[in-house]
């Protein structure tokens, strides 16, 4: 179970910055093409408003595809359409037209030339490998030449989209810590008794839930550690427990602790303390059970 929790936590920590990239890119006008929980290939996927959403088969983190992360170059066409050109030399004029327009930085015209190249590729007889490379090239170059391509955006938009990843991580950490602070963090047990084990020495002595132990053998106890150590170091000798009950000081009848798993105990569980903003000293008690004495 702990391994699954660790895997889930790691996946969440990786997914959160991807969500930051995704939503920030959309907010500044760059429409991501894909958003996956986990990594592709997809186990399940669907398309909405031109964005492909999916759940990847590799369950670690997430994946976001922002269009046009780098400025297109003529060599990109060689890489993507080289296998298709080798099998169909008649594609050369269409591919060269795209390369010339990219080299001349006529990106809108190059995008239109891609449409002509796409028609030529559709009628070409290509092997599956060359077809996949050509289709991927059309998608990549079309995205890189689009008006919403990352490299074509203003500097502040690019910085925002990239910085959103670590920024979201930082924001998540602040929110998480603030939530933990508001809910409270379990700390050391208090001197207040949460419950008493039936027929135990504490029950025989008359210790009640809600009692606050203030001393052992008339030696003041300032926290639960003092109470616990006095009981465990008693070596089984008789103890007198002093408590405050309903605002009154009470000394319970003397009782001998019993040895359980090699440790002397009386048989009660202390209440826990949670540190929150709810009390003047930043502490409020919780009924959470902690190891007893």
C-alpha atoms as a PDB file:
ATOM      1  CA  UNK A   1       0.000   0.000   0.000  1.00  0.00           C
ATOM      2  CA  UNK A   2       2.807   2.416   0.891  1.00  0.00           C
ATOM      3  CA  UNK A   3       4.393   1.770  -2.524  1.00  0.00           C
ATOM      4  CA  UNK A   4       1.137   2.699  -4.278  1.00  0.00           C
ATOM      5  CA  UNK A   5       0.878   5.866  -2.194  1.00  0.00           C
ATOM      6  CA  UNK A   6       4.469   6.767  -3.116  1.00  0.00           C
ATOM      7  CA  UNK A   7       3.784   6.163  -6.819  1.00  0.00           C
ATOM      8  CA  UNK A   8       0.615   8.247  -6.675  1.00  0.00           C
ATOM      9  CA  UNK A   9       2.411  11.056  -4.857  1.00  0.00           C
ATOM     10  CA  UNK A  10       5.260  11.083  -7.386  1.00  0.00           C
ATOM     11  CA  UNK A  11       2.806  11.068 -10.303  1.00  0.00           C
ATOM     12  CA  UNK A  12       0.877  13.954  -8.753  1.00  0.00           C
ATOM     13  CA  UNK A  13       4.021  16.021  -8.227  1.00  0.00           C
ATOM     14  CA  UNK A  14       4.954  15.551 -11.898  1.00  0.00           C
ATOM     15  CA  UNK A  15       1.401  16.174 -13.142  1.00  0.00           C
ATOM     16  CA  UNK A  16       0.901  19.481 -11.275  1.00  0.00           C
ATOM     17  CA  UNK A  17       3.504  21.513 -13.238  1.00  0.00           C
ATOM     18  CA  UNK A  18       2.126  20.073 -16.506  1.00  0.00           C
ATOM     19  CA  UNK A  19      -1.269  21.431 -15.532  1.00  0.00           C
ATOM     20  CA  UNK A  20       0.366  24.805 -14.960  1.00  0.00           C
ATOM     21  CA  UNK A  21       1.871  24.777 -18.466  1.00  0.00           C
ATOM     22  CA  UNK A  22      -1.446  23.667 -19.986  1.00  0.00           C
ATOM     23  CA  UNK A  23      -3.787  26.221 -18.413  1.00  0.00           C
ATOM     24  CA  UNK A  24      -1.343  29.125 -18.690  1.00  0.00           C
ATOM     25  CA  UNK A  25      -0.651  28.397 -22.360  1.00  0.00           C
ATOM     26  CA  UNK A  26      -4.382  28.440 -23.036  1.00  0.00           C
ATOM     27  CA  UNK A  27      -4.817  31.652 -21.067  1.00  0.00           C
ATOM     28  CA  UNK A  28      -2.223  33.547 -23.150  1.00  0.00           C
ATOM     29  CA  UNK A  29      -3.460  32.302 -26.519  1.00  0.00           C
ATOM     30  CA  UNK A  30      -1.372  29.177 -27.186  1.00  0.00           C
ATOM     31  CA  UNK A  31      -3.770  26.285 -27.628  1.00  0.00           C
ATOM     32  CA  UNK A  32      -2.050  23.048 -26.530  1.00  0.00           C
ATOM     33  CA  UNK A  33      -2.613  20.131 -28.862  1.00  0.00           C
ATOM     34  CA  UNK A  34      -2.491  17.359 -26.249  1.00  0.00           C
ATOM     35  CA  UNK A  35      -2.946  16.922 -22.527  1.00  0.00           C
ATOM     36  CA  UNK A  36      -2.386  13.502 -20.957  1.00  0.00           C
ATOM     37  CA  UNK A  37      -2.592  12.149 -17.449  1.00  0.00           C
ATOM     38  CA  UNK A  38       0.343   9.770 -17.547  1.00  0.00           C
ATOM     39  CA  UNK A  39       2.522   9.394 -20.626  1.00  0.00           C
ATOM     40  CA  UNK A  40       1.514   8.179 -24.129  1.00  0.00           C
ATOM     41  CA  UNK A  41       0.684   5.856 -25.751  1.00  0.00           C
ATOM     42  CA  UNK A  42      -2.901   6.464 -24.776  1.00  0.00           C
ATOM     43  CA  UNK A  43      -5.032   3.893 -23.014  1.00  0.00           C
ATOM     44  CA  UNK A  44      -8.050   6.167 -23.474  1.00  0.00           C
ATOM     45  CA  UNK A  45      -8.272   9.412 -25.448  1.00  0.00           C
ATOM     46  CA  UNK A  46     -10.817  11.869 -26.781  1.00  0.00           C
ATOM     47  CA  UNK A  47     -10.768  15.207 -28.596  1.00  0.00           C
ATOM     48  CA  UNK A  48     -12.560  18.352 -27.476  1.00  0.00           C
ATOM     49  CA  UNK A  49     -12.230  21.823 -29.048  1.00  0.00           C
ATOM     50  CA  UNK A  50      -9.244  20.648 -31.052  1.00  0.00           C
ATOM     51  CA  UNK A  51      -7.322  19.382 -27.993  1.00  0.00           C
ATOM     52  CA  UNK A  52      -6.610  15.697 -27.542  1.00  0.00           C
ATOM     53  CA  UNK A  53      -7.114  14.563 -23.959  1.00  0.00           C
ATOM     54  CA  UNK A  54      -6.040  11.142 -22.811  1.00  0.00           C
ATOM     55  CA  UNK A  55      -4.897   8.797 -20.089  1.00  0.00           C
ATOM     56  CA  UNK A  56      -1.475   7.346 -20.836  1.00  0.00           C
ATOM     57  CA  UNK A  57      -0.478   3.761 -20.212  1.00  0.00           C
ATOM     58  CA  UNK A  58       2.612   4.929 -18.280  1.00  0.00           C
ATOM     59  CA  UNK A  59       1.109   6.196 -15.002  1.00  0.00           C
ATOM     60  CA  UNK A  60       3.793   8.707 -14.039  1.00  0.00           C
ATOM     61  CA  UNK A  61       3.010  12.411 -14.238  1.00  0.00           C
ATOM     62  CA  UNK A  62       1.543  14.040 -17.308  1.00  0.00           C
ATOM     63  CA  UNK A  63       2.233  15.248 -20.829  1.00  0.00           C
ATOM     64  CA  UNK A  64       1.406  18.551 -22.531  1.00  0.00           C
ATOM     65  CA  UNK A  65       2.097  19.345 -26.173  1.00  0.00           C
ATOM     66  CA  UNK A  66       2.344  23.085 -26.858  1.00  0.00           C
ATOM     67  CA  UNK A  67       2.572  23.843 -30.610  1.00  0.00           C
ATOM     68  CA  UNK A  68       5.705  25.244 -32.206  1.00  0.00           C
ATOM     69  CA  UNK A  69       8.180  25.051 -29.355  1.00  0.00           C
ATOM     70  CA  UNK A  70      11.009  25.859 -31.787  1.00  0.00           C
ATOM     71  CA  UNK A  71      11.260  28.064 -34.895  1.00  0.00           C
ATOM     72  CA  UNK A  72      10.804  25.958 -38.068  1.00  0.00           C
ATOM     73  CA  UNK A  73      13.771  25.545 -40.422  1.00  0.00           C
ATOM     74  CA  UNK A  74      14.101  24.123 -43.958  1.00  0.00           C
ATOM     75  CA  UNK A  75      15.974  21.145 -42.527  1.00  0.00           C
ATOM     76  CA  UNK A  76      12.806  20.120 -40.649  1.00  0.00           C
ATOM     77  CA  UNK A  77      11.193  19.319 -43.994  1.00  0.00           C
ATOM     78  CA  UNK A  78      14.169  17.165 -44.964  1.00  0.00           C
ATOM     79  CA  UNK A  79      13.890  15.189 -41.731  1.00  0.00           C
ATOM     80  CA  UNK A  80      10.127  14.623 -41.916  1.00  0.00           C
ATOM     81  CA  UNK A  81       9.635  14.146 -45.667  1.00  0.00           C
ATOM     82  CA  UNK A  82      12.973  12.574 -46.613  1.00  0.00           C
ATOM     83  CA  UNK A  83      11.662   8.953 -46.537  1.00  0.00           C
ATOM     84  CA  UNK A  84       8.592   9.923 -48.601  1.00  0.00           C
ATOM     85  CA  UNK A  85      10.762  11.790 -51.150  1.00  0.00           C
ATOM     86  CA  UNK A  86      13.038   8.768 -51.476  1.00  0.00           C
ATOM     87  CA  UNK A  87      10.043   6.573 -52.372  1.00  0.00           C
ATOM     88  CA  UNK A  88       8.200   9.221 -54.449  1.00  0.00           C
ATOM     89  CA  UNK A  89      10.649  11.651 -56.167  1.00  0.00           C
ATOM     90  CA  UNK A  90       7.713  13.513 -57.745  1.00  0.00           C
ATOM     91  CA  UNK A  91       7.084  15.093 -54.322  1.00  0.00           C
ATOM     92  CA  UNK A  92      10.264  17.177 -54.707  1.00  0.00           C
ATOM     93  CA  UNK A  93       8.645  20.408 -56.069  1.00  0.00           C
ATOM     94  CA  UNK A  94       6.074  20.555 -53.271  1.00  0.00           C
ATOM     95  CA  UNK A  95       8.675  19.867 -50.572  1.00  0.00           C
ATOM     96  CA  UNK A  96      11.111  22.419 -52.035  1.00  0.00           C
ATOM     97  CA  UNK A  97       8.355  25.044 -52.145  1.00  0.00           C
ATOM     98  CA  UNK A  98       7.742  24.582 -48.416  1.00  0.00           C
ATOM     99  CA  UNK A  99      11.478  24.802 -47.679  1.00  0.00           C
ATOM    100  CA  UNK A 100      11.944  27.994 -49.733  1.00  0.00           C
ATOM    101  CA  UNK A 101       9.054  29.750 -48.027  1.00  0.00           C
ATOM    102  CA  UNK A 102      10.326  28.759 -44.573  1.00  0.00           C
ATOM    103  CA  UNK A 103      13.828  29.964 -45.452  1.00  0.00           C
ATOM    104  CA  UNK A 104      12.331  33.280 -46.644  1.00  0.00           C
ATOM    105  CA  UNK A 105      10.365  33.514 -43.371  1.00  0.00           C
ATOM    106  CA  UNK A 106       7.089  33.620 -45.277  1.00  0.00           C
ATOM    107  CA  UNK A 107       5.465  31.417 -42.690  1.00  0.00           C
ATOM    108  CA  UNK A 108       1.811  31.998 -43.567  1.00  0.00           C
ATOM    109  CA  UNK A 109       2.506  31.127 -47.205  1.00  0.00           C
ATOM    110  CA  UNK A 110       4.510  28.098 -46.112  1.00  0.00           C
ATOM    111  CA  UNK A 111       1.489  26.908 -44.167  1.00  0.00           C
ATOM    112  CA  UNK A 112      -0.621  27.165 -47.326  1.00  0.00           C
ATOM    113  CA  UNK A 113       2.077  25.266 -49.245  1.00  0.00           C
ATOM    114  CA  UNK A 114       1.769  22.488 -46.682  1.00  0.00           C
ATOM    115  CA  UNK A 115      -1.838  22.000 -47.793  1.00  0.00           C
ATOM    116  CA  UNK A 116      -0.672  21.378 -51.356  1.00  0.00           C
ATOM    117  CA  UNK A 117       2.015  19.014 -50.101  1.00  0.00           C
ATOM    118  CA  UNK A 118      -0.578  17.165 -48.036  1.00  0.00           C
ATOM    119  CA  UNK A 119      -2.680  16.549 -51.176  1.00  0.00           C
ATOM    120  CA  UNK A 120       0.348  15.260 -53.044  1.00  0.00           C
ATOM    121  CA  UNK A 121       1.217  12.927 -50.173  1.00  0.00           C
ATOM    122  CA  UNK A 122      -2.352  11.614 -50.051  1.00  0.00           C
ATOM    123  CA  UNK A 123      -2.083  10.403 -53.631  1.00  0.00           C
ATOM    124  CA  UNK A 124       1.455   9.012 -53.239  1.00  0.00           C
ATOM    125  CA  UNK A 125       2.182   5.325 -52.758  1.00  0.00           C
ATOM    126  CA  UNK A 126       4.239   5.203 -49.582  1.00  0.00           C
ATOM    127  CA  UNK A 127       5.353   2.538 -47.140  1.00  0.00           C
ATOM    128  CA  UNK A 128       3.768   2.661 -43.648  1.00  0.00           C
ATOM    129  CA  UNK A 129       7.005   4.014 -42.147  1.00  0.00           C
ATOM    130  CA  UNK A 130       7.324   6.834 -44.699  1.00  0.00           C
ATOM    131  CA  UNK A 131       3.609   7.610 -44.360  1.00  0.00           C
ATOM    132  CA  UNK A 132       3.884   7.936 -40.566  1.00  0.00           C
ATOM    133  CA  UNK A 133       6.931  10.200 -40.845  1.00  0.00           C
ATOM    134  CA  UNK A 134       5.203  12.405 -43.442  1.00  0.00           C
ATOM    135  CA  UNK A 135       1.990  12.680 -41.414  1.00  0.00           C
ATOM    136  CA  UNK A 136       3.974  13.574 -38.309  1.00  0.00           C
ATOM    137  CA  UNK A 137       5.889  16.169 -40.337  1.00  0.00           C
ATOM    138  CA  UNK A 138       2.683  17.770 -41.577  1.00  0.00           C
ATOM    139  CA  UNK A 139       1.353  18.050 -38.035  1.00  0.00           C
ATOM    140  CA  UNK A 140       4.606  19.368 -36.588  1.00  0.00           C
ATOM    141  CA  UNK A 141       5.204  21.971 -39.304  1.00  0.00           C
ATOM    142  CA  UNK A 142       1.575  23.074 -39.361  1.00  0.00           C
ATOM    143  CA  UNK A 143       1.733  23.663 -35.623  1.00  0.00           C
ATOM    144  CA  UNK A 144       5.106  25.429 -35.854  1.00  0.00           C
ATOM    145  CA  UNK A 145       3.831  27.739 -38.630  1.00  0.00           C
ATOM    146  CA  UNK A 146       0.524  28.534 -36.914  1.00  0.00           C
ATOM    147  CA  UNK A 147      -0.287  31.906 -35.386  1.00  0.00           C
ATOM    148  CA  UNK A 148      -0.508  30.302 -31.922  1.00  0.00           C
ATOM    149  CA  UNK A 149       2.920  28.645 -32.139  1.00  0.00           C
ATOM    150  CA  UNK A 150       5.020  29.121 -29.026  1.00  0.00           C
ATOM    151  CA  UNK A 151       8.005  30.687 -30.779  1.00  0.00           C
ATOM    152  CA  UNK A 152       5.789  33.339 -32.450  1.00  0.00           C
ATOM    153  CA  UNK A 153       4.372  34.671 -29.172  1.00  0.00           C
ATOM    154  CA  UNK A 154       5.476  37.767 -27.284  1.00  0.00           C
ATOM    155  CA  UNK A 155       8.306  37.211 -24.847  1.00  0.00           C
ATOM    156  CA  UNK A 156       6.154  37.640 -21.744  1.00  0.00           C
ATOM    157  CA  UNK A 157       3.718  34.996 -22.976  1.00  0.00           C
ATOM    158  CA  UNK A 158       6.512  32.489 -23.569  1.00  0.00           C
ATOM    159  CA  UNK A 159       8.003  33.192 -20.158  1.00  0.00           C
ATOM    160  CA  UNK A 160       4.577  32.807 -18.532  1.00  0.00           C
ATOM    161  CA  UNK A 161       3.898  29.453 -20.197  1.00  0.00           C
ATOM    162  CA  UNK A 162       7.282  28.031 -19.234  1.00  0.00           C
ATOM    163  CA  UNK A 163       7.451  29.522 -15.725  1.00  0.00           C
ATOM    164  CA  UNK A 164       3.938  28.240 -14.975  1.00  0.00           C
ATOM    165  CA  UNK A 165       5.333  24.746 -14.343  1.00  0.00           C
ATOM    166  CA  UNK A 166       7.641  25.490 -11.409  1.00  0.00           C
ATOM    167  CA  UNK A 167       5.340  28.336 -10.387  1.00  0.00           C
ATOM    168  CA  UNK A 168       2.434  25.924  -9.997  1.00  0.00           C
ATOM    169  CA  UNK A 169       4.637  23.620  -7.949  1.00  0.00           C
ATOM    170  CA  UNK A 170       5.486  26.510  -5.630  1.00  0.00           C
ATOM    171  CA  UNK A 171       1.837  27.562  -5.349  1.00  0.00           C
ATOM    172  CA  UNK A 172       0.794  23.972  -4.628  1.00  0.00           C
ATOM    173  CA  UNK A 173       3.396  23.761  -1.848  1.00  0.00           C
ATOM    174  CA  UNK A 174       2.117  26.989  -0.280  1.00  0.00           C
ATOM    175  CA  UNK A 175      -1.522  25.823  -0.466  1.00  0.00           C
ATOM    176  CA  UNK A 176      -0.616  22.406   0.937  1.00  0.00           C
ATOM    177  CA  UNK A 177       1.308  23.845   3.865  1.00  0.00           C
ATOM    178  CA  UNK A 178      -1.449  26.394   4.548  1.00  0.00           C
ATOM    179  CA  UNK A 179      -4.043  23.596   4.538  1.00  0.00           C
ATOM    180  CA  UNK A 180      -1.982  21.472   6.909  1.00  0.00           C
ATOM    181  CA  UNK A 181      -1.507  24.488   9.158  1.00  0.00           C
ATOM    182  CA  UNK A 182      -5.249  25.188   9.254  1.00  0.00           C
ATOM    183  CA  UNK A 183      -6.196  21.560   9.845  1.00  0.00           C
ATOM    184  CA  UNK A 184      -3.474  21.033  12.416  1.00  0.00           C
ATOM    185  CA  UNK A 185      -0.501  18.736  12.723  1.00  0.00           C
ATOM    186  CA  UNK A 186      -0.552  15.905  15.260  1.00  0.00           C
ATOM    187  CA  UNK A 187       2.208  16.366  17.798  1.00  0.00           C
ATOM    188  CA  UNK A 188       3.287  14.806  21.070  1.00  0.00           C
ATOM    189  CA  UNK A 189       0.572  13.457  23.310  1.00  0.00           C
ATOM    190  CA  UNK A 190      -0.773  15.685  26.051  1.00  0.00           C
ATOM    191  CA  UNK A 191      -1.229  14.967  29.763  1.00  0.00           C
ATOM    192  CA  UNK A 192      -4.993  14.709  29.271  1.00  0.00           C
ATOM    193  CA  UNK A 193      -6.383  11.143  29.332  1.00  0.00           C
ATOM    194  CA  UNK A 194      -8.237  10.048  26.218  1.00  0.00           C
ATOM    195  CA  UNK A 195      -9.433   6.660  27.481  1.00  0.00           C
ATOM    196  CA  UNK A 196      -8.668   4.044  30.131  1.00  0.00           C
ATOM    197  CA  UNK A 197      -8.250   0.322  29.459  1.00  0.00           C
ATOM    198  CA  UNK A 198     -10.781  -1.683  31.499  1.00  0.00           C
ATOM    199  CA  UNK A 199      -9.358  -3.687  34.454  1.00  0.00           C
ATOM    200  CA  UNK A 200      -5.970  -2.034  34.040  1.00  0.00           C
ATOM    201  CA  UNK A 201      -4.060  -0.490  36.990  1.00  0.00           C
ATOM    202  CA  UNK A 202      -5.237   2.943  35.814  1.00  0.00           C
ATOM    203  CA  UNK A 203      -8.871   1.757  35.934  1.00  0.00           C
ATOM    204  CA  UNK A 204      -8.335   0.253  39.390  1.00  0.00           C
ATOM    205  CA  UNK A 205      -6.863   3.553  40.622  1.00  0.00           C
ATOM    206  CA  UNK A 206      -9.924   5.414  39.299  1.00  0.00           C
ATOM    207  CA  UNK A 207      -8.313   7.348  36.430  1.00  0.00           C
ATOM    208  CA  UNK A 208     -11.051   8.830  34.204  1.00  0.00           C
ATOM    209  CA  UNK A 209     -11.107  10.006  30.590  1.00  0.00           C
ATOM    210  CA  UNK A 210     -10.651  13.772  30.630  1.00  0.00           C
ATOM    211  CA  UNK A 211      -8.367  13.774  33.674  1.00  0.00           C
ATOM    212  CA  UNK A 212      -5.223  15.851  33.289  1.00  0.00           C
ATOM    213  CA  UNK A 213      -2.224  14.211  34.920  1.00  0.00           C
ATOM    214  CA  UNK A 214      -0.133  16.801  36.738  1.00  0.00           C
ATOM    215  CA  UNK A 215       2.180  14.628  38.817  1.00  0.00           C
ATOM    216  CA  UNK A 216       3.532  11.161  39.539  1.00  0.00           C
ATOM    217  CA  UNK A 217       4.538  10.351  43.130  1.00  0.00           C
ATOM    218  CA  UNK A 218       3.967  14.038  43.893  1.00  0.00           C
ATOM    219  CA  UNK A 219       6.622  15.066  41.375  1.00  0.00           C
ATOM    220  CA  UNK A 220       5.187  17.617  38.905  1.00  0.00           C
ATOM    221  CA  UNK A 221       4.706  16.448  35.318  1.00  0.00           C
ATOM    222  CA  UNK A 222       4.823  19.242  32.754  1.00  0.00           C
ATOM    223  CA  UNK A 223       4.120  17.153  29.659  1.00  0.00           C
ATOM    224  CA  UNK A 224       3.309  13.592  28.700  1.00  0.00           C
ATOM    225  CA  UNK A 225       6.983  12.701  28.409  1.00  0.00           C
ATOM    226  CA  UNK A 226       7.362  13.329  32.152  1.00  0.00           C
ATOM    227  CA  UNK A 227       4.362  11.079  32.891  1.00  0.00           C
ATOM    228  CA  UNK A 228       5.518   8.305  30.580  1.00  0.00           C
ATOM    229  CA  UNK A 229       9.096   8.285  31.844  1.00  0.00           C
ATOM    230  CA  UNK A 230       7.987   8.207  35.503  1.00  0.00           C
ATOM    231  CA  UNK A 231       5.797   5.162  34.838  1.00  0.00           C
ATOM    232  CA  UNK A 232       8.347   3.300  32.734  1.00  0.00           C
ATOM    233  CA  UNK A 233      11.181   3.963  35.197  1.00  0.00           C
ATOM    234  CA  UNK A 234       9.129   2.880  38.210  1.00  0.00           C
ATOM    235  CA  UNK A 235      10.465  -0.712  38.056  1.00  0.00           C
ATOM    236  CA  UNK A 236       7.003  -1.867  39.086  1.00  0.00           C
ATOM    237  CA  UNK A 237       6.919   0.072  42.350  1.00  0.00           C
ATOM    238  CA  UNK A 238       3.747   1.687  43.664  1.00  0.00           C
ATOM    239  CA  UNK A 239       2.816   4.999  42.039  1.00  0.00           C
ATOM    240  CA  UNK A 240       0.569   7.839  43.173  1.00  0.00           C
ATOM    241  CA  UNK A 241      -1.005   9.684  40.252  1.00  0.00           C
ATOM    242  CA  UNK A 242      -2.110  13.293  40.725  1.00  0.00           C
ATOM    243  CA  UNK A 243      -4.720  14.684  38.345  1.00  0.00           C
ATOM    244  CA  UNK A 244      -6.867  17.742  37.783  1.00  0.00           C
ATOM    245  CA  UNK A 245     -10.495  16.683  37.376  1.00  0.00           C
ATOM    246  CA  UNK A 246     -13.175  19.282  36.616  1.00  0.00           C
ATOM    247  CA  UNK A 247     -10.849  21.977  37.883  1.00  0.00           C
ATOM    248  CA  UNK A 248     -10.048  20.219  41.176  1.00  0.00           C
ATOM    249  CA  UNK A 249      -6.760  18.631  42.260  1.00  0.00           C
ATOM    250  CA  UNK A 250      -7.190  14.893  43.034  1.00  0.00           C
ATOM    251  CA  UNK A 251      -4.685  12.276  44.202  1.00  0.00           C
ATOM    252  CA  UNK A 252      -5.661   8.782  43.109  1.00  0.00           C
ATOM    253  CA  UNK A 253      -5.102   5.692  45.252  1.00  0.00           C
ATOM    254  CA  UNK A 254      -1.642   4.186  44.857  1.00  0.00           C
ATOM    255  CA  UNK A 255      -1.310   1.464  42.262  1.00  0.00           C
ATOM    256  CA  UNK A 256       1.430  -0.720  40.780  1.00  0.00           C
ATOM    257  CA  UNK A 257       2.070  -0.609  37.025  1.00  0.00           C
ATOM    258  CA  UNK A 258       2.112  -3.830  35.016  1.00  0.00           C
ATOM    259  CA  UNK A 259       4.788  -4.906  32.596  1.00  0.00           C
ATOM    260  CA  UNK A 260       3.579  -5.158  28.991  1.00  0.00           C
ATOM    261  CA  UNK A 261       5.988  -6.126  26.210  1.00  0.00           C
ATOM    262  CA  UNK A 262       8.888  -5.323  28.509  1.00  0.00           C
ATOM    263  CA  UNK A 263       7.582  -1.846  29.412  1.00  0.00           C
ATOM    264  CA  UNK A 264       5.789  -0.745  32.592  1.00  0.00           C
ATOM    265  CA  UNK A 265       2.381   0.796  31.901  1.00  0.00           C
ATOM    266  CA  UNK A 266      -0.755   1.800  33.784  1.00  0.00           C
ATOM    267  CA  UNK A 267      -3.193   1.197  30.935  1.00  0.00           C
ATOM    268  CA  UNK A 268      -4.462   4.475  29.471  1.00  0.00           C
ATOM    269  CA  UNK A 269      -4.178   6.426  26.229  1.00  0.00           C
ATOM    270  CA  UNK A 270      -3.387  10.142  26.226  1.00  0.00           C
ATOM    271  CA  UNK A 271      -5.120  12.658  23.988  1.00  0.00           C
ATOM    272  CA  UNK A 272      -3.057  14.184  21.190  1.00  0.00           C
ATOM    273  CA  UNK A 273      -2.232  17.821  20.647  1.00  0.00           C
ATOM    274  CA  UNK A 274      -2.709  19.542  17.300  1.00  0.00           C
ATOM    275  CA  UNK A 275      -0.895  22.760  16.590  1.00  0.00           C
ATOM    276  CA  UNK A 276      -3.296  25.165  14.852  1.00  0.00           C
ATOM    277  CA  UNK A 277      -4.284  28.812  14.941  1.00  0.00           C
ATOM    278  CA  UNK A 278      -7.396  28.105  16.997  1.00  0.00           C
ATOM    279  CA  UNK A 279      -5.937  28.771  20.451  1.00  0.00           C
ATOM    280  CA  UNK A 280      -3.809  31.593  21.901  1.00  0.00           C
ATOM    281  CA  UNK A 281      -0.714  29.381  22.109  1.00  0.00           C
ATOM    282  CA  UNK A 282      -1.369  27.894  18.654  1.00  0.00           C
ATOM    283  CA  UNK A 283      -2.577  24.569  20.050  1.00  0.00           C
ATOM    284  CA  UNK A 284      -5.850  22.709  20.148  1.00  0.00           C
ATOM    285  CA  UNK A 285      -6.437  19.203  21.375  1.00  0.00           C
ATOM    286  CA  UNK A 286      -7.574  16.386  19.137  1.00  0.00           C
ATOM    287  CA  UNK A 287      -9.141  13.047  20.039  1.00  0.00           C
ATOM    288  CA  UNK A 288      -6.586  11.247  17.925  1.00  0.00           C
ATOM    289  CA  UNK A 289      -5.131   8.343  19.903  1.00  0.00           C
ATOM    290  CA  UNK A 290      -1.399   8.069  20.515  1.00  0.00           C
ATOM    291  CA  UNK A 291       0.651   5.298  22.134  1.00  0.00           C
ATOM    292  CA  UNK A 292      -0.403   4.885  25.763  1.00  0.00           C
ATOM    293  CA  UNK A 293       1.175   4.267  29.142  1.00  0.00           C
END
